[in-house]
C-alpha atoms as a PDB file:
ATOM      1  CA  UNK A   1     137.821 131.561  91.171  1.00  0.00           C
ATOM      2  CA  UNK A   2     136.096 134.789  92.214  1.00  0.00           C
ATOM      3  CA  UNK A   3     134.244 134.340  95.459  1.00  0.00           C
ATOM      4  CA  UNK A   4     131.496 136.851  94.599  1.00  0.00           C
ATOM      5  CA  UNK A   5     130.215 134.885  91.608  1.00  0.00           C
ATOM      6  CA  UNK A   6     127.967 131.903  92.169  1.00  0.00           C
ATOM      7  CA  UNK A   7     128.930 129.094  89.802  1.00  0.00           C
ATOM      8  CA  UNK A   8     127.476 126.078  91.575  1.00  0.00           C
ATOM      9  CA  UNK A   9     125.084 124.234  89.311  1.00  0.00           C
ATOM     10  CA  UNK A  10     126.209 126.172  86.238  1.00  0.00           C
ATOM     11  CA  UNK A  11     127.674 124.152  83.369  1.00  0.00           C
ATOM     12  CA  UNK A  12     130.860 125.966  82.394  1.00  0.00           C
ATOM     13  CA  UNK A  13     132.375 123.121  80.383  1.00  0.00           C
ATOM     14  CA  UNK A  14     133.437 124.309  76.969  1.00  0.00           C
ATOM     15  CA  UNK A  15     133.150 127.949  77.939  1.00  0.00           C
ATOM     16  CA  UNK A  16     136.302 129.813  76.970  1.00  0.00           C
ATOM     17  CA  UNK A  17     137.618 133.149  75.936  1.00  0.00           C
ATOM     18  CA  UNK A  18     138.587 132.282  72.383  1.00  0.00           C
ATOM     19  CA  UNK A  19     137.545 135.056  70.052  1.00  0.00           C
ATOM     20  CA  UNK A  20     137.006 137.503  72.886  1.00  0.00           C
ATOM     21  CA  UNK A  21     139.087 140.539  72.098  1.00  0.00           C
ATOM     22  CA  UNK A  22     140.591 142.957  74.573  1.00  0.00           C
ATOM     23  CA  UNK A  23     141.842 145.483  72.064  1.00  0.00           C
ATOM     24  CA  UNK A  24     141.155 148.979  73.339  1.00  0.00           C
ATOM     25  CA  UNK A  25     140.211 147.678  76.797  1.00  0.00           C
ATOM     26  CA  UNK A  26     142.123 149.048  79.742  1.00  0.00           C
ATOM     27  CA  UNK A  27     142.831 145.776  81.518  1.00  0.00           C
ATOM     28  CA  UNK A  28     144.024 147.708  84.572  1.00  0.00           C
ATOM     29  CA  UNK A  29     140.353 148.166  85.502  1.00  0.00           C
ATOM     30  CA  UNK A  30     139.219 144.679  84.499  1.00  0.00           C
ATOM     31  CA  UNK A  31     138.522 142.330  87.410  1.00  0.00           C
ATOM     32  CA  UNK A  32     140.614 139.172  87.418  1.00  0.00           C
ATOM     33  CA  UNK A  33     140.405 135.843  89.173  1.00  0.00           C
ATOM     34  CA  UNK A  34     143.475 136.640  91.273  1.00  0.00           C
ATOM     35  CA  UNK A  35     142.961 137.941  94.763  1.00  0.00           C
ATOM     36  CA  UNK A  36     144.178 141.429  95.671  1.00  0.00           C
ATOM     37  CA  UNK A  37     147.243 140.264  97.577  1.00  0.00           C
ATOM     38  CA  UNK A  38     148.554 138.492  94.491  1.00  0.00           C
ATOM     39  CA  UNK A  39     148.247 141.695  92.498  1.00  0.00           C
ATOM     40  CA  UNK A  40     149.854 144.024  95.012  1.00  0.00           C
ATOM     41  CA  UNK A  41     153.646 144.387  95.032  1.00  0.00           C
ATOM     42  CA  UNK A  42     155.384 144.212  98.370  1.00  0.00           C
ATOM     43  CA  UNK A  43     155.911 147.399 100.340  1.00  0.00           C
ATOM     44  CA  UNK A  44     159.616 147.298  99.488  1.00  0.00           C
ATOM     45  CA  UNK A  45     158.813 147.132  95.760  1.00  0.00           C
ATOM     46  CA  UNK A  46     156.458 150.111  96.036  1.00  0.00           C
ATOM     47  CA  UNK A  47     159.042 152.164  97.894  1.00  0.00           C
ATOM     48  CA  UNK A  48     161.774 151.291  95.413  1.00  0.00           C
ATOM     49  CA  UNK A  49     159.631 152.889  92.733  1.00  0.00           C
ATOM     50  CA  UNK A  50     159.997 156.239  94.532  1.00  0.00           C
ATOM     51  CA  UNK A  51     163.775 156.345  94.133  1.00  0.00           C
ATOM     52  CA  UNK A  52     166.224 155.215  91.517  1.00  0.00           C
ATOM     53  CA  UNK A  53     167.493 151.694  92.204  1.00  0.00           C
ATOM     54  CA  UNK A  54     170.932 152.909  93.242  1.00  0.00           C
ATOM     55  CA  UNK A  55     169.497 155.363  95.779  1.00  0.00           C
ATOM     56  CA  UNK A  56     167.319 152.737  97.475  1.00  0.00           C
ATOM     57  CA  UNK A  57     170.247 150.320  97.524  1.00  0.00           C
ATOM     58  CA  UNK A  58     172.460 153.013  99.073  1.00  0.00           C
ATOM     59  CA  UNK A  59     169.941 153.415 101.913  1.00  0.00           C
ATOM     60  CA  UNK A  60     169.859 149.646 102.438  1.00  0.00           C
ATOM     61  CA  UNK A  61     173.670 149.435 102.448  1.00  0.00           C
ATOM     62  CA  UNK A  62     173.918 152.202 105.015  1.00  0.00           C
ATOM     63  CA  UNK A  63     171.313 150.430 107.170  1.00  0.00           C
ATOM     64  CA  UNK A  64     173.189 147.111 106.993  1.00  0.00           C
ATOM     65  CA  UNK A  65     176.447 148.875 107.858  1.00  0.00           C
ATOM     66  CA  UNK A  66     175.032 150.600 110.939  1.00  0.00           C
ATOM     67  CA  UNK A  67     173.428 147.356 112.121  1.00  0.00           C
ATOM     68  CA  UNK A  68     176.819 145.663 111.929  1.00  0.00           C
ATOM     69  CA  UNK A  69     178.341 148.482 114.008  1.00  0.00           C
ATOM     70  CA  UNK A  70     175.747 148.120 116.760  1.00  0.00           C
ATOM     71  CA  UNK A  71     177.705 145.560 118.815  1.00  0.00           C
ATOM     72  CA  UNK A  72     180.828 147.739 118.872  1.00  0.00           C
ATOM     73  CA  UNK A  73     179.083 151.057 119.517  1.00  0.00           C
ATOM     74  CA  UNK A  74     175.322 150.888 120.173  1.00  0.00           C
ATOM     75  CA  UNK A  75     174.958 154.621 120.797  1.00  0.00           C
ATOM     76  CA  UNK A  76     176.697 155.562 117.555  1.00  0.00           C
ATOM     77  CA  UNK A  77     174.550 153.034 115.684  1.00  0.00           C
ATOM     78  CA  UNK A  78     171.386 154.519 117.210  1.00  0.00           C
ATOM     79  CA  UNK A  79     172.484 158.039 116.290  1.00  0.00           C
ATOM     80  CA  UNK A  80     173.269 156.977 112.725  1.00  0.00           C
ATOM     81  CA  UNK A  81     169.910 155.156 112.508  1.00  0.00           C
ATOM     82  CA  UNK A  82     168.181 158.369 113.564  1.00  0.00           C
ATOM     83  CA  UNK A  83     170.054 160.383 110.912  1.00  0.00           C
ATOM     84  CA  UNK A  84     169.408 157.798 108.216  1.00  0.00           C
ATOM     85  CA  UNK A  85     165.691 157.580 109.031  1.00  0.00           C
ATOM     86  CA  UNK A  86     165.410 161.386 108.917  1.00  0.00           C
ATOM     87  CA  UNK A  87     167.260 161.536 105.605  1.00  0.00           C
ATOM     88  CA  UNK A  88     165.125 158.795 104.063  1.00  0.00           C
ATOM     89  CA  UNK A  89     161.875 160.377 105.257  1.00  0.00           C
ATOM     90  CA  UNK A  90     162.903 163.802 103.952  1.00  0.00           C
ATOM     91  CA  UNK A  91     163.869 162.248 100.633  1.00  0.00           C
ATOM     92  CA  UNK A  92     160.589 160.328 100.503  1.00  0.00           C
ATOM     93  CA  UNK A  93     158.532 163.464 101.152  1.00  0.00           C
ATOM     94  CA  UNK A  94     160.467 165.346  98.465  1.00  0.00           C
ATOM     95  CA  UNK A  95     160.097 162.531  95.921  1.00  0.00           C
ATOM     96  CA  UNK A  96     156.362 162.095  96.555  1.00  0.00           C
ATOM     97  CA  UNK A  97     155.751 165.857  96.410  1.00  0.00           C
ATOM     98  CA  UNK A  98     157.599 165.911  93.080  1.00  0.00           C
ATOM     99  CA  UNK A  99     155.437 163.121  91.721  1.00  0.00           C
ATOM    100  CA  UNK A 100     152.272 164.893  92.865  1.00  0.00           C
ATOM    101  CA  UNK A 101     153.474 168.133  91.307  1.00  0.00           C
ATOM    102  CA  UNK A 102     153.948 166.298  88.010  1.00  0.00           C
ATOM    103  CA  UNK A 103     150.388 165.006  88.192  1.00  0.00           C
ATOM    104  CA  UNK A 104     149.014 168.450  89.018  1.00  0.00           C
ATOM    105  CA  UNK A 105     150.048 169.618  85.544  1.00  0.00           C
ATOM    106  CA  UNK A 106     146.733 168.437  84.084  1.00  0.00           C
ATOM    107  CA  UNK A 107     145.167 171.733  85.158  1.00  0.00           C
ATOM    108  CA  UNK A 108     147.479 173.759  82.933  1.00  0.00           C
ATOM    109  CA  UNK A 109     146.126 172.298  79.691  1.00  0.00           C
ATOM    110  CA  UNK A 110     143.100 173.843  78.027  1.00  0.00           C
ATOM    111  CA  UNK A 111     142.171 170.657  76.231  1.00  0.00           C
ATOM    112  CA  UNK A 112     141.121 167.976  78.713  1.00  0.00           C
ATOM    113  CA  UNK A 113     139.976 164.878  76.955  1.00  0.00           C
ATOM    114  CA  UNK A 114     138.684 161.861  78.823  1.00  0.00           C
ATOM    115  CA  UNK A 115     141.801 159.792  78.154  1.00  0.00           C
ATOM    116  CA  UNK A 116     144.085 162.454  79.635  1.00  0.00           C
ATOM    117  CA  UNK A 117     141.854 162.727  82.692  1.00  0.00           C
ATOM    118  CA  UNK A 118     141.727 158.945  83.052  1.00  0.00           C
ATOM    119  CA  UNK A 119     145.519 158.781  82.993  1.00  0.00           C
ATOM    120  CA  UNK A 120     145.686 161.620  85.529  1.00  0.00           C
ATOM    121  CA  UNK A 121     143.279 159.882  87.910  1.00  0.00           C
ATOM    122  CA  UNK A 122     145.224 156.653  87.458  1.00  0.00           C
ATOM    123  CA  UNK A 123     148.448 158.490  88.334  1.00  0.00           C
ATOM    124  CA  UNK A 124     146.885 159.899  91.503  1.00  0.00           C
ATOM    125  CA  UNK A 125     145.597 156.414  92.374  1.00  0.00           C
ATOM    126  CA  UNK A 126     149.076 154.925  91.982  1.00  0.00           C
ATOM    127  CA  UNK A 127     150.560 157.679  94.129  1.00  0.00           C
ATOM    128  CA  UNK A 128     147.954 157.208  96.864  1.00  0.00           C
ATOM    129  CA  UNK A 129     148.324 153.421  96.762  1.00  0.00           C
ATOM    130  CA  UNK A 130     152.058 153.832  97.279  1.00  0.00           C
ATOM    131  CA  UNK A 131     151.623 156.230 100.210  1.00  0.00           C
ATOM    132  CA  UNK A 132     148.807 154.308 101.883  1.00  0.00           C
ATOM    133  CA  UNK A 133     150.780 151.065 101.691  1.00  0.00           C
ATOM    134  CA  UNK A 134     153.386 152.486 104.065  1.00  0.00           C
END
């Protein structure tokens, strides 16, 4: 139950949503009874969305491999970890810049209807949510 709505003393028995239509309503902006943490994907899920599944899995495999090598050669593992982190961060910056560039295309159209602008703002929001979750 939403904590910002006072329901004490209010008879809600028999109150339902039957017959209440949501057609044409952008439910992305509709408040729900779930708390924010239940709606937010994990950081790993948000990062996976930046790369193709196989690319993210490749980074994870390389990380697991270098961790396993640590006992035999800690210095080599540390050097490989440094290289992998640099590669992943460079790839992340490139992928996010590409996504932003795709969103920036809204300026090139002469016809800017509200729906296009709403979708553009939503795209920027998703991008910022992903970056700020890091």
